[in-house]
Amino acid sequence: MMNLTKAVIKKFDGSSLFELEIPLKNISKFNKKYLLVIILETESFIKITIYPIAKKRIIKLSLSDFKIIQRELDMFSEELQDFPIIHSSGLISIGPNSAFECYINLSLTDEKYQDLKILLDKNKSKFNDIKIEEISIDDKQ
């Protein structure tokens, strides 16, 4: 039987920094220079997802405080698929409103970023809060 995942139990000493040894022996097959590390923390778990990427900078798009109108959301999702999405949180319901977050393999200086801005401007009335931030490598590493 093939194992899809690995598990280890570590003692937690209460420190705010917890180091993990993550074997990345197969990372070279991706032929990428950087790792995008996405951390999701909830009250009951922490999920870490690692994506090998080729760029030093990518965009994080956050949409929040909107009500779901399925037809409009489907149209927006279809148009968003024209962009190189690395990771998506999916649609999250928070009370009567919703939130969505994705990481896109673009930087603020890429030509295609202007197309993303046009899409967001066209749809800005549907979302109360749109945030675009550029995630970049910590050059101090």
Protein backbone atom coordinates (compact mmCIF):
# COMPACT_ATOMS: atom_id res chain seq x y z
CA MET A 1 0.00 0.00 0.00
CA MET A 2 1.26 3.48 -0.90
CA ASN A 3 1.27 6.16 1.80
CA LEU A 4 -0.06 9.52 0.64
CA THR A 5 0.92 11.41 3.77
CA LYS A 6 3.41 11.20 6.61
CA ALA A 7 2.79 12.01 10.25
CA VAL A 8 4.91 12.68 13.29
CA ILE A 9 4.00 13.61 16.85
CA LYS A 10 6.11 16.38 18.37
CA LYS A 11 6.08 17.75 21.90
CA PHE A 12 4.90 21.36 22.05
CA ASP A 13 6.65 23.42 24.71
CA GLY A 14 4.40 26.49 24.48
CA SER A 15 6.89 28.52 22.46
CA SER A 16 5.48 30.91 19.86
CA LEU A 17 7.93 29.49 17.30
CA PHE A 18 7.64 25.85 16.37
CA GLU A 19 10.20 24.39 14.01
CA LEU A 20 9.28 21.56 11.67
CA GLU A 21 11.61 19.38 9.71
CA ILE A 22 9.92 18.92 6.37
CA PRO A 23 11.71 16.60 3.95
CA LEU A 24 11.76 18.22 0.55
CA LYS A 25 13.81 15.62 -1.30
CA ASN A 26 11.50 15.73 -4.33
CA ILE A 27 11.45 19.53 -4.61
CA SER A 28 14.17 19.57 -7.30
CA LYS A 29 11.86 17.79 -9.77
CA PHE A 30 9.67 20.92 -9.84
CA ASN A 31 12.59 23.03 -11.14
CA LYS A 32 11.46 26.02 -9.02
CA LYS A 33 13.61 28.37 -6.93
CA TYR A 34 11.12 29.46 -4.26
CA LEU A 35 8.51 28.03 -1.93
CA LEU A 36 5.18 29.70 -1.24
CA VAL A 37 4.17 28.65 2.28
CA ILE A 38 0.50 29.21 3.13
CA ILE A 39 -0.56 28.78 6.76
CA LEU A 40 -4.17 28.42 7.84
CA GLU A 41 -4.82 28.64 11.58
CA THR A 42 -8.16 27.89 13.23
CA GLU A 43 -9.11 27.12 16.82
CA SER A 44 -8.83 23.39 16.18
CA PHE A 45 -6.03 22.95 13.62
CA ILE A 46 -3.16 24.48 11.68
CA LYS A 47 -2.73 23.58 8.01
CA ILE A 48 0.49 24.29 6.13
CA THR A 49 0.53 24.07 2.34
CA ILE A 50 3.75 24.50 0.36
CA TYR A 51 3.88 25.32 -3.35
CA PRO A 52 7.13 25.35 -5.35
CA ILE A 53 7.07 28.55 -7.44
CA ALA A 54 9.42 30.27 -9.88
CA LYS A 55 8.81 33.91 -8.90
CA LYS A 56 10.00 36.09 -6.02
CA ARG A 57 6.68 37.97 -5.98
CA ILE A 58 3.06 36.91 -6.30
CA ILE A 59 -0.34 38.50 -5.61
CA LYS A 60 -2.74 37.67 -2.83
CA LEU A 61 -6.31 38.67 -3.65
CA SER A 62 -8.82 38.89 -0.78
CA LEU A 63 -12.52 39.57 -1.26
CA SER A 64 -14.72 39.93 1.79
CA ASP A 65 -17.97 41.17 3.19
CA PHE A 66 -20.19 40.21 0.27
CA LYS A 67 -23.45 38.39 -0.08
CA ILE A 68 -23.56 35.36 -2.34
CA ILE A 69 -25.49 35.88 -5.54
CA GLN A 70 -24.72 32.60 -7.27
CA ARG A 71 -25.08 33.73 -10.89
CA GLU A 72 -22.80 36.75 -10.39
CA LEU A 73 -20.31 34.72 -8.40
CA ASP A 74 -20.19 32.04 -11.11
CA MET A 75 -19.51 34.69 -13.78
CA PHE A 76 -16.77 36.30 -11.68
CA SER A 77 -15.18 32.90 -10.91
CA GLU A 78 -15.16 32.03 -14.60
CA GLU A 79 -13.35 35.27 -15.47
CA LEU A 80 -10.89 34.83 -12.59
CA GLN A 81 -9.86 31.48 -14.07
CA ASP A 82 -8.10 33.41 -16.85
CA PHE A 83 -5.37 34.16 -14.30
CA PRO A 84 -2.74 31.71 -13.03
CA ILE A 85 -4.20 30.83 -9.62
CA ILE A 86 -1.77 28.95 -7.40
CA HIS A 87 -4.05 28.42 -4.40
CA SER A 88 -7.61 29.31 -3.44
CA SER A 89 -9.31 29.23 -0.06
CA GLY A 90 -12.61 28.60 -1.72
CA LEU A 91 -15.72 30.46 -0.68
CA ILE A 92 -16.04 30.91 3.09
CA SER A 93 -19.32 31.91 4.74
CA ILE A 94 -19.03 34.15 7.79
CA GLY A 95 -22.50 34.87 9.12
CA PRO A 96 -24.60 36.47 6.40
CA ASN A 97 -21.53 37.46 4.37
CA SER A 98 -18.79 35.59 2.54
CA ALA A 99 -15.05 35.79 1.97
CA PHE A 100 -12.69 34.49 -0.70
CA GLU A 101 -8.93 34.49 -0.97
CA CYS A 102 -6.53 33.32 -3.65
CA TYR A 103 -2.87 33.53 -4.56
CA ILE A 104 -2.15 34.40 -8.17
CA ASN A 105 1.12 33.80 -10.01
CA LEU A 106 1.46 37.46 -11.01
CA SER A 107 3.33 40.42 -9.58
CA LEU A 108 2.19 44.04 -9.53
CA THR A 109 4.56 44.77 -12.42
CA ASP A 110 3.30 42.01 -14.75
CA GLU A 111 1.33 43.15 -17.79
CA LYS A 112 -1.48 40.70 -16.99
CA TYR A 113 -1.91 42.40 -13.59
CA GLN A 114 -3.62 45.29 -15.40
CA ASP A 115 -6.19 42.81 -16.75
CA LEU A 116 -6.82 41.64 -13.19
CA LYS A 117 -7.33 45.25 -12.06
CA ILE A 118 -9.85 45.78 -14.87
CA LEU A 119 -11.74 42.64 -13.81
CA LEU A 120 -11.80 43.79 -10.17
CA ASP A 121 -12.88 47.33 -11.09
CA LYS A 122 -15.69 45.88 -13.21
CA ASN A 123 -16.87 43.81 -10.22
CA LYS A 124 -16.12 46.19 -7.33
CA SER A 125 -19.81 46.88 -6.64
CA LYS A 126 -20.27 43.20 -5.71
CA PHE A 127 -17.66 43.22 -2.93
CA ASN A 128 -17.48 45.58 0.04
CA ASP A 129 -13.79 44.93 0.53
CA ILE A 130 -11.21 44.06 -2.15
CA LYS A 131 -7.58 43.80 -1.11
CA ILE A 132 -4.61 43.11 -3.36
CA GLU A 133 -1.24 42.60 -1.76
CA GLU A 134 2.05 41.53 -3.21
CA ILE A 135 3.72 38.70 -1.32
CA SER A 136 7.48 38.75 -1.80
CA ILE A 137 10.49 36.80 -0.69
CA ASP A 138 12.12 37.82 2.56
CA ASP A 139 15.53 38.79 1.19
CA LYS A 140 17.03 38.51 4.70
CA GLN A 141 16.94 34.71 4.37
